[in-house]
Structures are given as C-alpha cells and as structure tokens.
PDB file of all heavy atoms in Angstrom:
ATOM      1  N   LEU A   1       0.836  -1.196   0.000  1.00  0.00           N
ATOM      2  CA  LEU A   1       0.000   0.000   0.000  1.00  0.00           C
ATOM      3  C   LEU A   1       0.872   1.247   0.000  1.00  0.00           C
ATOM      4  O   LEU A   1       1.885   1.301   0.696  1.00  0.00           O
ATOM      5  CB  LEU A   1      -0.907  -0.002   1.232  1.00  0.00           C
ATOM      6  CG  LEU A   1      -1.787  -1.249   1.404  1.00  0.00           C
ATOM      7  CD1 LEU A   1      -2.509  -1.206   2.752  1.00  0.00           C
ATOM      8  CD2 LEU A   1      -2.792  -1.355   0.277  1.00  0.00           C
ATOM      9  N   GLU A   2       0.459   2.245  -0.779  1.00  0.00           N
ATOM     10  CA  GLU A   2       1.214   3.483  -0.906  1.00  0.00           C
ATOM     11  C   GLU A   2       0.499   4.616  -0.165  1.00  0.00           C
ATOM     12  O   GLU A   2      -0.724   4.722  -0.196  1.00  0.00           O
ATOM     13  CB  GLU A   2       1.391   3.864  -2.376  1.00  0.00           C
ATOM     14  CG  GLU A   2       2.126   2.829  -3.206  1.00  0.00           C
ATOM     15  CD  GLU A   2       3.580   2.669  -2.772  1.00  0.00           C
ATOM     16  OE1 GLU A   2       4.156   3.650  -2.246  1.00  0.00           O
ATOM     17  OE2 GLU A   2       4.136   1.561  -2.957  1.00  0.00           O
ATOM     18  N   ARG A   3       1.286   5.456   0.505  1.00  0.00           N
ATOM     19  CA  ARG A   3       0.705   6.556   1.283  1.00  0.00           C
ATOM     20  C   ARG A   3      -0.162   7.457   0.408  1.00  0.00           C
ATOM     21  O   ARG A   3      -1.286   7.812   0.806  1.00  0.00           O
ATOM     22  CB  ARG A   3       1.819   7.380   1.942  1.00  0.00           C
ATOM     23  CG  ARG A   3       1.313   8.628   2.663  1.00  0.00           C
ATOM     24  CD  ARG A   3       2.442   9.414   3.308  1.00  0.00           C
ATOM     25  NE  ARG A   3       2.933   8.725   4.493  1.00  0.00           N
ATOM     26  CZ  ARG A   3       2.430   8.890   5.721  1.00  0.00           C
ATOM     27  NH1 ARG A   3       1.417   9.716   5.915  1.00  0.00           N
ATOM     28  NH2 ARG A   3       2.937   8.238   6.737  1.00  0.00           N
ATOM     29  N   LYS A   4       0.323   7.846  -0.761  1.00  0.00           N
ATOM     30  CA  LYS A   4      -0.433   8.771  -1.609  1.00  0.00           C
ATOM     31  C   LYS A   4      -1.779   8.178  -1.998  1.00  0.00           C
ATOM     32  O   LYS A   4      -2.796   8.866  -2.042  1.00  0.00           O
ATOM     33  CB  LYS A   4       0.379   9.139  -2.849  1.00  0.00           C
ATOM     34  CG  LYS A   4       1.570  10.046  -2.562  1.00  0.00           C
ATOM     35  CD  LYS A   4       2.292  10.422  -3.849  1.00  0.00           C
ATOM     36  CE  LYS A   4       3.466  11.346  -3.560  1.00  0.00           C
ATOM     37  NZ  LYS A   4       4.201  11.727  -4.813  1.00  0.00           N
ATOM     38  N   GLU A   5      -1.784   6.877  -2.316  1.00  0.00           N
ATOM     39  CA  GLU A   5      -3.037   6.230  -2.678  1.00  0.00           C
ATOM     40  C   GLU A   5      -3.977   6.146  -1.477  1.00  0.00           C
ATOM     41  O   GLU A   5      -5.182   6.350  -1.587  1.00  0.00           O
ATOM     42  CB  GLU A   5      -2.759   4.829  -3.232  1.00  0.00           C
ATOM     43  CG  GLU A   5      -2.132   4.813  -4.613  1.00  0.00           C
ATOM     44  CD  GLU A   5      -3.046   5.401  -5.671  1.00  0.00           C
ATOM     45  OE1 GLU A   5      -4.278   5.215  -5.555  1.00  0.00           O
ATOM     46  OE2 GLU A   5      -2.545   6.063  -6.599  1.00  0.00           O
ATOM     47  N   SER A   6      -3.416   5.837  -0.318  1.00  0.00           N
ATOM     48  CA  SER A   6      -4.262   5.669   0.869  1.00  0.00           C
ATOM     49  C   SER A   6      -4.950   6.967   1.251  1.00  0.00           C
ATOM     50  O   SER A   6      -6.032   6.951   1.839  1.00  0.00           O
ATOM     51  CB  SER A   6      -3.430   5.137   2.039  1.00  0.00           C
ATOM     52  OG  SER A   6      -2.592   6.151   2.579  1.00  0.00           O
ATOM     53  N   ALA A   7      -4.327   8.098   0.935  1.00  0.00           N
ATOM     54  CA  ALA A   7      -4.942   9.390   1.256  1.00  0.00           C
ATOM     55  C   ALA A   7      -6.215   9.613   0.455  1.00  0.00           C
ATOM     56  O   ALA A   7      -7.071  10.415   0.851  1.00  0.00           O
ATOM     57  CB  ALA A   7      -3.944  10.516   0.992  1.00  0.00           C
ATOM     58  N   ARG A   8      -6.370   8.896  -0.666  1.00  0.00           N
ATOM     59  CA  ARG A   8      -7.548   9.087  -1.520  1.00  0.00           C
ATOM     60  C   ARG A   8      -8.686   8.118  -1.197  1.00  0.00           C
ATOM     61  O   ARG A   8      -9.757   8.214  -1.785  1.00  0.00           O
ATOM     62  CB  ARG A   8      -7.140   8.941  -2.994  1.00  0.00           C
ATOM     63  CG  ARG A   8      -6.298  10.101  -3.505  1.00  0.00           C
ATOM     64  CD  ARG A   8      -6.206  10.076  -5.026  1.00  0.00           C
ATOM     65  NE  ARG A   8      -5.201   9.105  -5.473  1.00  0.00           N
ATOM     66  CZ  ARG A   8      -3.934   9.424  -5.721  1.00  0.00           C
ATOM     67  NH1 ARG A   8      -3.513  10.669  -5.548  1.00  0.00           N
ATOM     68  NH2 ARG A   8      -3.074   8.512  -6.134  1.00  0.00           N
ATOM     69  N   TRP A   9      -8.472   7.197  -0.293  1.00  0.00           N
ATOM     70  CA  TRP A   9      -9.539   6.248   0.033  1.00  0.00           C
ATOM     71  C   TRP A   9     -10.683   6.959   0.756  1.00  0.00           C
ATOM     72  O   TRP A   9     -10.453   7.684   1.729  1.00  0.00           O
ATOM     73  CB  TRP A   9      -9.040   5.129   0.934  1.00  0.00           C
ATOM     74  CG  TRP A   9      -7.934   4.289   0.362  1.00  0.00           C
ATOM     75  CD1 TRP A   9      -7.582   4.163  -0.942  1.00  0.00           C
ATOM     76  CD2 TRP A   9      -7.014   3.478   1.107  1.00  0.00           C
ATOM     77  NE1 TRP A   9      -6.507   3.332  -1.074  1.00  0.00           N
ATOM     78  CE2 TRP A   9      -6.138   2.885   0.166  1.00  0.00           C
ATOM     79  CE3 TRP A   9      -6.848   3.191   2.453  1.00  0.00           C
ATOM     80  CZ2 TRP A   9      -5.111   2.032   0.549  1.00  0.00           C
ATOM     81  CZ3 TRP A   9      -5.833   2.333   2.842  1.00  0.00           C
ATOM     82  CH2 TRP A   9      -4.973   1.753   1.890  1.00  0.00           C
ATOM     83  N   ALA A  10     -11.892   6.745   0.277  1.00  0.00           N
ATOM     84  CA  ALA A  10     -13.091   7.198   0.998  1.00  0.00           C
ATOM     85  C   ALA A  10     -13.577   6.011   1.816  1.00  0.00           C
ATOM     86  O   ALA A  10     -14.014   5.007   1.260  1.00  0.00           O
ATOM     87  CB  ALA A  10     -14.168   7.667   0.023  1.00  0.00           C
ATOM     88  N   ALA A  11     -13.491   6.131   3.125  1.00  0.00           N
ATOM     89  CA  ALA A  11     -13.734   4.982   3.999  1.00  0.00           C
ATOM     90  C   ALA A  11     -15.092   4.336   3.745  1.00  0.00           C
ATOM     91  O   ALA A  11     -15.235   3.112   3.815  1.00  0.00           O
ATOM     92  CB  ALA A  11     -13.618   5.398   5.464  1.00  0.00           C
ATOM     93  N   ALA A  12     -16.111   5.131   3.444  1.00  0.00           N
ATOM     94  CA  ALA A  12     -17.461   4.591   3.309  1.00  0.00           C
ATOM     95  C   ALA A  12     -17.667   3.821   2.009  1.00  0.00           C
ATOM     96  O   ALA A  12     -18.564   2.976   1.919  1.00  0.00           O
ATOM     97  CB  ALA A  12     -18.486   5.712   3.401  1.00  0.00           C
ATOM     98  N   THR A  13     -16.837   4.083   0.989  1.00  0.00           N
ATOM     99  CA  THR A  13     -17.104   3.494  -0.328  1.00  0.00           C
ATOM    100  C   THR A  13     -15.932   2.736  -0.932  1.00  0.00           C
ATOM    101  O   THR A  13     -16.119   2.045  -1.942  1.00  0.00           O
ATOM    102  CB  THR A  13     -17.519   4.600  -1.319  1.00  0.00           C
ATOM    103  OG1 THR A  13     -16.480   5.587  -1.390  1.00  0.00           O
ATOM    104  CG2 THR A  13     -18.808   5.266  -0.859  1.00  0.00           C
ATOM    105  N   VAL A  14     -14.739   2.826  -0.378  1.00  0.00           N
ATOM    106  CA  VAL A  14     -13.581   2.211  -1.010  1.00  0.00           C
ATOM    107  C   VAL A  14     -13.767   0.701  -1.122  1.00  0.00           C
ATOM    108  O   VAL A  14     -14.294   0.043  -0.216  1.00  0.00           O
ATOM    109  CB  VAL A  14     -12.300   2.547  -0.209  1.00  0.00           C
ATOM    110  CG1 VAL A  14     -12.360   1.991   1.209  1.00  0.00           C
ATOM    111  CG2 VAL A  14     -11.064   2.041  -0.933  1.00  0.00           C
ATOM    112  N   ASP A  15     -13.356   0.145  -2.263  1.00  0.00           N
ATOM    113  CA  ASP A  15     -13.430  -1.293  -2.522  1.00  0.00           C
ATOM    114  C   ASP A  15     -12.035  -1.886  -2.323  1.00  0.00           C
ATOM    115  O   ASP A  15     -11.119  -1.570  -3.090  1.00  0.00           O
ATOM    116  CB  ASP A  15     -13.916  -1.547  -3.949  1.00  0.00           C
ATOM    117  CG  ASP A  15     -14.090  -3.025  -4.256  1.00  0.00           C
ATOM    118  OD1 ASP A  15     -13.523  -3.868  -3.527  1.00  0.00           O
ATOM    119  OD2 ASP A  15     -14.778  -3.354  -5.242  1.00  0.00           O
ATOM    120  N   PRO A  16     -11.848  -2.720  -1.325  1.00  0.00           N
ATOM    121  CA  PRO A  16     -10.501  -3.252  -1.055  1.00  0.00           C
ATOM    122  C   PRO A  16      -9.889  -3.981  -2.239  1.00  0.00           C
ATOM    123  O   PRO A  16      -8.688  -3.842  -2.497  1.00  0.00           O
ATOM    124  CB  PRO A  16     -10.725  -4.199   0.132  1.00  0.00           C
ATOM    125  CG  PRO A  16     -11.954  -3.697   0.799  1.00  0.00           C
ATOM    126  CD  PRO A  16     -12.820  -3.160  -0.300  1.00  0.00           C
ATOM    127  N   LEU A  17     -10.695  -4.746  -2.989  1.00  0.00           N
ATOM    128  CA  LEU A  17     -10.118  -5.481  -4.117  1.00  0.00           C
ATOM    129  C   LEU A  17      -9.646  -4.542  -5.220  1.00  0.00           C
ATOM    130  O   LEU A  17      -8.649  -4.830  -5.900  1.00  0.00           O
ATOM    131  CB  LEU A  17     -11.135  -6.481  -4.674  1.00  0.00           C
ATOM    132  CG  LEU A  17     -11.338  -7.759  -3.859  1.00  0.00           C
ATOM    133  CD1 LEU A  17     -12.186  -8.758  -4.637  1.00  0.00           C
ATOM    134  CD2 LEU A  17     -10.012  -8.395  -3.459  1.00  0.00           C
ATOM    135  N   GLU A  18     -10.334  -3.424  -5.405  1.00  0.00           N
ATOM    136  CA  GLU A  18      -9.850  -2.438  -6.376  1.00  0.00           C
ATOM    137  C   GLU A  18      -8.501  -1.882  -5.946  1.00  0.00           C
ATOM    138  O   GLU A  18      -7.601  -1.676  -6.767  1.00  0.00           O
ATOM    139  CB  GLU A  18     -10.867  -1.312  -6.539  1.00  0.00           C
ATOM    140  CG  GLU A  18     -12.137  -1.717  -7.274  1.00  0.00           C
ATOM    141  CD  GLU A  18     -13.053  -0.537  -7.504  1.00  0.00           C
ATOM    142  OE1 GLU A  18     -12.667   0.608  -7.167  1.00  0.00           O
ATOM    143  OE2 GLU A  18     -14.173  -0.750  -8.020  1.00  0.00           O
ATOM    144  N   VAL A  19      -8.358  -1.625  -4.643  1.00  0.00           N
ATOM    145  CA  VAL A  19      -7.076  -1.162  -4.113  1.00  0.00           C
ATOM    146  C   VAL A  19      -6.006  -2.232  -4.353  1.00  0.00           C
ATOM    147  O   VAL A  19      -4.890  -1.925  -4.778  1.00  0.00           O
ATOM    148  CB  VAL A  19      -7.193  -0.841  -2.615  1.00  0.00           C
ATOM    149  CG1 VAL A  19      -5.818  -0.514  -2.022  1.00  0.00           C
ATOM    150  CG2 VAL A  19      -8.156   0.326  -2.395  1.00  0.00           C
ATOM    151  N   PHE A  20      -6.335  -3.492  -4.089  1.00  0.00           N
ATOM    152  CA  PHE A  20      -5.382  -4.576  -4.305  1.00  0.00           C
ATOM    153  C   PHE A  20      -4.963  -4.640  -5.767  1.00  0.00           C
ATOM    154  O   PHE A  20      -3.777  -4.836  -6.074  1.00  0.00           O
ATOM    155  CB  PHE A  20      -6.015  -5.918  -3.910  1.00  0.00           C
ATOM    156  CG  PHE A  20      -6.032  -6.176  -2.421  1.00  0.00           C
ATOM    157  CD1 PHE A  20      -6.036  -5.139  -1.499  1.00  0.00           C
ATOM    158  CD2 PHE A  20      -6.057  -7.470  -1.935  1.00  0.00           C
ATOM    159  CE1 PHE A  20      -6.057  -5.369  -0.136  1.00  0.00           C
ATOM    160  CE2 PHE A  20      -6.076  -7.731  -0.583  1.00  0.00           C
ATOM    161  CZ  PHE A  20      -6.075  -6.675   0.324  1.00  0.00           C
ATOM    162  N   ASN A  21      -5.928  -4.491  -6.663  1.00  0.00           N
ATOM    163  CA  ASN A  21      -5.615  -4.605  -8.095  1.00  0.00           C
ATOM    164  C   ASN A  21      -4.738  -3.449  -8.560  1.00  0.00           C
ATOM    165  O   ASN A  21      -3.792  -3.648  -9.339  1.00  0.00           O
ATOM    166  CB  ASN A  21      -6.910  -4.654  -8.904  1.00  0.00           C
ATOM    167  CG  ASN A  21      -7.695  -5.930  -8.650  1.00  0.00           C
ATOM    168  OD1 ASN A  21      -7.128  -6.964  -8.276  1.00  0.00           O
ATOM    169  ND2 ASN A  21      -9.007  -5.875  -8.851  1.00  0.00           N
ATOM    170  N   VAL A  22      -5.043  -2.229  -8.087  1.00  0.00           N
ATOM    171  CA  VAL A  22      -4.214  -1.078  -8.458  1.00  0.00           C
ATOM    172  C   VAL A  22      -2.794  -1.267  -7.941  1.00  0.00           C
ATOM    173  O   VAL A  22      -1.811  -0.926  -8.629  1.00  0.00           O
ATOM    174  CB  VAL A  22      -4.827   0.222  -7.901  1.00  0.00           C
ATOM    175  CG1 VAL A  22      -3.849   1.389  -8.056  1.00  0.00           C
ATOM    176  CG2 VAL A  22      -6.137   0.538  -8.617  1.00  0.00           C
ATOM    177  N   ALA A  23      -2.665  -1.846  -6.741  1.00  0.00           N
ATOM    178  CA  ALA A  23      -1.346  -2.043  -6.133  1.00  0.00           C
ATOM    179  C   ALA A  23      -0.668  -3.331  -6.609  1.00  0.00           C
ATOM    180  O   ALA A  23       0.417  -3.649  -6.131  1.00  0.00           O
ATOM    181  CB  ALA A  23      -1.486  -2.083  -4.609  1.00  0.00           C
ATOM    182  N   LYS A  24      -1.329  -4.027  -7.542  1.00  0.00           N
ATOM    183  CA  LYS A  24      -0.793  -5.305  -8.049  1.00  0.00           C
ATOM    184  C   LYS A  24      -0.541  -6.295  -6.898  1.00  0.00           C
ATOM    185  O   LYS A  24       0.509  -6.942  -6.818  1.00  0.00           O
ATOM    186  CB  LYS A  24       0.480  -5.083  -8.865  1.00  0.00           C
ATOM    187  CG  LYS A  24       0.251  -4.283 -10.150  1.00  0.00           C
ATOM    188  CD  LYS A  24       1.523  -4.113 -10.942  1.00  0.00           C
ATOM    189  CE  LYS A  24       1.247  -3.505 -12.301  1.00  0.00           C
ATOM    190  NZ  LYS A  24       0.517  -2.230 -12.253  1.00  0.00           N
ATOM    191  N   GLY A  25      -1.540  -6.371  -6.010  1.00  0.00           N
ATOM    192  CA  GLY A  25      -1.441  -7.302  -4.896  1.00  0.00           C
ATOM    193  C   GLY A  25      -1.580  -8.748  -5.354  1.00  0.00           C
ATOM    194  O   GLY A  25      -2.109  -9.035  -6.434  1.00  0.00           O
ATOM    195  N   ARG A  26      -1.102  -9.658  -4.526  1.00  0.00           N
ATOM    196  CA  ARG A  26      -1.192 -11.099  -4.831  1.00  0.00           C
ATOM    197  C   ARG A  26      -2.347 -11.719  -4.044  1.00  0.00           C
ATOM    198  O   ARG A  26      -2.405 -11.610  -2.824  1.00  0.00           O
ATOM    199  CB  ARG A  26       0.106 -11.812  -4.446  1.00  0.00           C
ATOM    200  CG  ARG A  26       1.279 -11.556  -5.356  1.00  0.00           C
ATOM    201  CD  ARG A  26       2.356 -12.616  -5.155  1.00  0.00           C
ATOM    202  NE  ARG A  26       2.763 -12.763  -3.765  1.00  0.00           N
ATOM    203  CZ  ARG A  26       2.817 -13.933  -3.141  1.00  0.00           C
ATOM    204  NH1 ARG A  26       2.462 -15.056  -3.755  1.00  0.00           N
ATOM    205  NH2 ARG A  26       3.231 -13.990  -1.863  1.00  0.00           N
ATOM    206  N   TYR A  27      -3.242 -12.381  -4.752  1.00  0.00           N
ATOM    207  CA  TYR A  27      -4.291 -13.174  -4.126  1.00  0.00           C
ATOM    208  C   TYR A  27      -4.872 -14.109  -5.180  1.00  0.00           C
ATOM    209  O   TYR A  27      -4.741 -13.874  -6.385  1.00  0.00           O
ATOM    210  CB  TYR A  27      -5.389 -12.289  -3.518  1.00  0.00           C
ATOM    211  CG  TYR A  27      -6.140 -11.427  -4.515  1.00  0.00           C
ATOM    212  CD1 TYR A  27      -7.321 -11.879  -5.096  1.00  0.00           C
ATOM    213  CD2 TYR A  27      -5.684 -10.155  -4.850  1.00  0.00           C
ATOM    214  CE1 TYR A  27      -8.016 -11.088  -6.006  1.00  0.00           C
ATOM    215  CE2 TYR A  27      -6.368  -9.362  -5.748  1.00  0.00           C
ATOM    216  CZ  TYR A  27      -7.532  -9.829  -6.320  1.00  0.00           C
ATOM    217  OH  TYR A  27      -8.218  -9.050  -7.214  1.00  0.00           O
ATOM    218  N   ASP A  28      -5.491 -15.167  -4.718  1.00  0.00           N
ATOM    219  CA  ASP A  28      -6.075 -16.164  -5.609  1.00  0.00           C
ATOM    220  C   ASP A  28      -7.549 -16.298  -5.262  1.00  0.00           C
ATOM    221  O   ASP A  28      -7.918 -17.021  -4.332  1.00  0.00           O
ATOM    222  CB  ASP A  28      -5.350 -17.506  -5.443  1.00  0.00           C
ATOM    223  CG  ASP A  28      -5.873 -18.572  -6.416  1.00  0.00           C
ATOM    224  OD1 ASP A  28      -6.795 -18.258  -7.203  1.00  0.00           O
ATOM    225  OD2 ASP A  28      -5.375 -19.711  -6.363  1.00  0.00           O
ATOM    226  N   LEU A  29      -8.393 -15.591  -6.005  1.00  0.00           N
ATOM    227  CA  LEU A  29      -9.818 -15.560  -5.722  1.00  0.00           C
ATOM    228  C   LEU A  29     -10.559 -16.439  -6.730  1.00  0.00           C
ATOM    229  O   LEU A  29     -10.489 -16.219  -7.940  1.00  0.00           O
ATOM    230  CB  LEU A  29     -10.341 -14.122  -5.794  1.00  0.00           C
ATOM    231  CG  LEU A  29     -11.816 -13.915  -5.447  1.00  0.00           C
ATOM    232  CD1 LEU A  29     -12.083 -14.299  -3.996  1.00  0.00           C
ATOM    233  CD2 LEU A  29     -12.226 -12.473  -5.713  1.00  0.00           C
ATOM    234  N   ARG A  30     -11.297 -17.428  -6.218  1.00  0.00           N
ATOM    235  CA  ARG A  30     -12.026 -18.346  -7.080  1.00  0.00           C
ATOM    236  C   ARG A  30     -13.437 -17.827  -7.365  1.00  0.00           C
ATOM    237  O   ARG A  30     -13.895 -16.839  -6.784  1.00  0.00           O
ATOM    238  CB  ARG A  30     -12.095 -19.730  -6.424  1.00  0.00           C
ATOM    239  CG  ARG A  30     -10.710 -20.324  -6.165  1.00  0.00           C
ATOM    240  CD  ARG A  30      -9.896 -20.421  -7.464  1.00  0.00           C
ATOM    241  NE  ARG A  30      -8.510 -20.782  -7.238  1.00  0.00           N
ATOM    242  CZ  ARG A  30      -8.062 -22.044  -7.187  1.00  0.00           C
ATOM    243  NH1 ARG A  30      -8.907 -23.064  -7.299  1.00  0.00           N
ATOM    244  NH2 ARG A  30      -6.780 -22.286  -7.014  1.00  0.00           N
ATOM    245  N   ASP A  31     -14.129 -18.504  -8.296  1.00  0.00           N
ATOM    246  CA  ASP A  31     -15.465 -18.071  -8.702  1.00  0.00           C
ATOM    247  C   ASP A  31     -16.454 -18.058  -7.541  1.00  0.00           C
ATOM    248  O   ASP A  31     -17.418 -17.285  -7.551  1.00  0.00           O
ATOM    249  CB  ASP A  31     -16.001 -18.976  -9.819  1.00  0.00           C
ATOM    250  CG  ASP A  31     -15.236 -18.792 -11.127  1.00  0.00           C
ATOM    251  OD1 ASP A  31     -14.588 -17.736 -11.280  1.00  0.00           O
ATOM    252  OD2 ASP A  31     -15.280 -19.698 -11.972  1.00  0.00           O
ATOM    253  N   ASN A  32     -16.236 -18.914  -6.559  1.00  0.00           N
ATOM    254  CA  ASN A  32     -17.144 -18.946  -5.398  1.00  0.00           C
ATOM    255  C   ASN A  32     -16.726 -17.963  -4.316  1.00  0.00           C
ATOM    256  O   ASN A  32     -17.170 -18.055  -3.182  1.00  0.00           O
ATOM    257  CB  ASN A  32     -17.230 -20.362  -4.833  1.00  0.00           C
ATOM    258  CG  ASN A  32     -15.898 -20.822  -4.242  1.00  0.00           C
ATOM    259  OD1 ASN A  32     -14.867 -20.147  -4.385  1.00  0.00           O
ATOM    260  ND2 ASN A  32     -15.914 -21.964  -3.587  1.00  0.00           N
ATOM    261  N   GLN A  33     -15.861 -17.002  -4.676  1.00  0.00           N
ATOM    262  CA  GLN A  33     -15.397 -15.937  -3.779  1.00  0.00           C
ATOM    263  C   GLN A  33     -14.489 -16.441  -2.649  1.00  0.00           C
ATOM    264  O   GLN A  33     -14.262 -15.735  -1.678  1.00  0.00           O
ATOM    265  CB  GLN A  33     -16.582 -15.180  -3.166  1.00  0.00           C
ATOM    266  CG  GLN A  33     -17.487 -14.511  -4.184  1.00  0.00           C
ATOM    267  CD  GLN A  33     -16.749 -13.438  -4.975  1.00  0.00           C
ATOM    268  OE1 GLN A  33     -16.355 -12.420  -4.439  1.00  0.00           O
ATOM    269  NE2 GLN A  33     -16.561 -13.685  -6.267  1.00  0.00           N
ATOM    270  N   GLU A  34     -13.933 -17.635  -2.806  1.00  0.00           N
ATOM    271  CA  GLU A  34     -13.021 -18.157  -1.791  1.00  0.00           C
ATOM    272  C   GLU A  34     -11.595 -17.717  -2.087  1.00  0.00           C
ATOM    273  O   GLU A  34     -11.134 -17.772  -3.238  1.00  0.00           O
ATOM    274  CB  GLU A  34     -13.077 -19.685  -1.757  1.00  0.00           C
ATOM    275  CG  GLU A  34     -12.148 -20.290  -0.704  1.00  0.00           C
ATOM    276  CD  GLU A  34     -12.183 -21.806  -0.682  1.00  0.00           C
ATOM    277  OE1 GLU A  34     -12.838 -22.399  -1.563  1.00  0.00           O
ATOM    278  OE2 GLU A  34     -11.545 -22.396   0.218  1.00  0.00           O
ATOM    279  N   LEU A  35     -10.918 -17.261  -1.059  1.00  0.00           N
ATOM    280  CA  LEU A  35      -9.501 -16.920  -1.169  1.00  0.00           C
ATOM    281  C   LEU A  35      -8.686 -18.198  -0.958  1.00  0.00           C
ATOM    282  O   LEU A  35      -8.684 -18.768   0.134  1.00  0.00           O
ATOM    283  CB  LEU A  35      -9.117 -15.876  -0.118  1.00  0.00           C
ATOM    284  CG  LEU A  35      -9.559 -14.430  -0.383  1.00  0.00           C
ATOM    285  CD1 LEU A  35      -9.370 -13.589   0.870  1.00  0.00           C
ATOM    286  CD2 LEU A  35      -8.786 -13.839  -1.556  1.00  0.00           C
ATOM    287  N   LYS A  36      -8.010 -18.629  -1.992  1.00  0.00           N
ATOM    288  CA  LYS A  36      -7.175 -19.819  -1.888  1.00  0.00           C
ATOM    289  C   LYS A  36      -5.779 -19.425  -1.402  1.00  0.00           C
ATOM    290  O   LYS A  36      -5.393 -18.254  -1.407  1.00  0.00           O
ATOM    291  CB  LYS A  36      -7.082 -20.521  -3.242  1.00  0.00           C
ATOM    292  CG  LYS A  36      -8.427 -20.936  -3.813  1.00  0.00           C
ATOM    293  CD  LYS A  36      -9.122 -21.963  -2.937  1.00  0.00           C
ATOM    294  CE  LYS A  36      -8.461 -23.328  -3.038  1.00  0.00           C
ATOM    295  NZ  LYS A  36      -9.225 -24.358  -2.303  1.00  0.00           N
ATOM    296  N   ALA A  37      -5.028 -20.423  -0.980  1.00  0.00           N
ATOM    297  CA  ALA A  37      -3.696 -20.173  -0.418  1.00  0.00           C
ATOM    298  C   ALA A  37      -2.730 -19.698  -1.489  1.00  0.00           C
ATOM    299  O   ALA A  37      -2.789 -20.124  -2.659  1.00  0.00           O
ATOM    300  CB  ALA A  37      -3.170 -21.443   0.233  1.00  0.00           C
ATOM    301  N   ILE A  38      -1.818 -18.780  -1.092  1.00  0.00           N
ATOM    302  CA  ILE A  38      -0.725 -18.336  -1.951  1.00  0.00           C
ATOM    303  C   ILE A  38       0.579 -18.605  -1.208  1.00  0.00           C
ATOM    304  O   ILE A  38       0.589 -18.908  -0.017  1.00  0.00           O
ATOM    305  CB  ILE A  38      -0.845 -16.828  -2.299  1.00  0.00           C
ATOM    306  CG1 ILE A  38      -0.747 -15.984  -1.024  1.00  0.00           C
ATOM    307  CG2 ILE A  38      -2.142 -16.547  -3.042  1.00  0.00           C
ATOM    308  CD1 ILE A  38      -0.676 -14.483  -1.285  1.00  0.00           C
ATOM    309  N   SER A  39       1.672 -18.503  -1.911  1.00  0.00           N
ATOM    310  CA  SER A  39       2.976 -18.715  -1.275  1.00  0.00           C
ATOM    311  C   SER A  39       3.288 -17.547  -0.343  1.00  0.00           C
ATOM    312  O   SER A  39       2.918 -16.403  -0.620  1.00  0.00           O
ATOM    313  CB  SER A  39       4.069 -18.840  -2.326  1.00  0.00           C
ATOM    314  OG  SER A  39       4.124 -17.672  -3.120  1.00  0.00           O
ATOM    315  N   PRO A  40       3.950 -17.807   0.791  1.00  0.00           N
ATOM    316  CA  PRO A  40       4.291 -16.720   1.716  1.00  0.00           C
ATOM    317  C   PRO A  40       5.232 -15.710   1.066  1.00  0.00           C
ATOM    318  O   PRO A  40       6.055 -16.079   0.212  1.00  0.00           O
ATOM    319  CB  PRO A  40       4.992 -17.445   2.873  1.00  0.00           C
ATOM    320  CG  PRO A  40       4.564 -18.868   2.761  1.00  0.00           C
ATOM    321  CD  PRO A  40       4.370 -19.125   1.297  1.00  0.00           C
TER     322      PRO A  40
END
C-alpha cells in the first residue's frame, strides 16, 4: 500500500479489491469468492 493512494480512500465506499488490483497485490480468488492459499 502506498501513502499517496491511501490518502484518496473514501472509507465509506472504497473497494478493497480495487485497491489490491491497483497495487498489483497477490491473491487467488475463485469463482465462489473463496480466497485460496498463496505462497508466503
């Protein structure tokens, strides 16, 4: 997470997955919305 980006988050409406995608975060989300394991 970057400080400049975090300053723009609106707490009531921000979508965490959008933040993850912008930050190129690592996660494995399946069609049933389950977060599968990733490497540490």
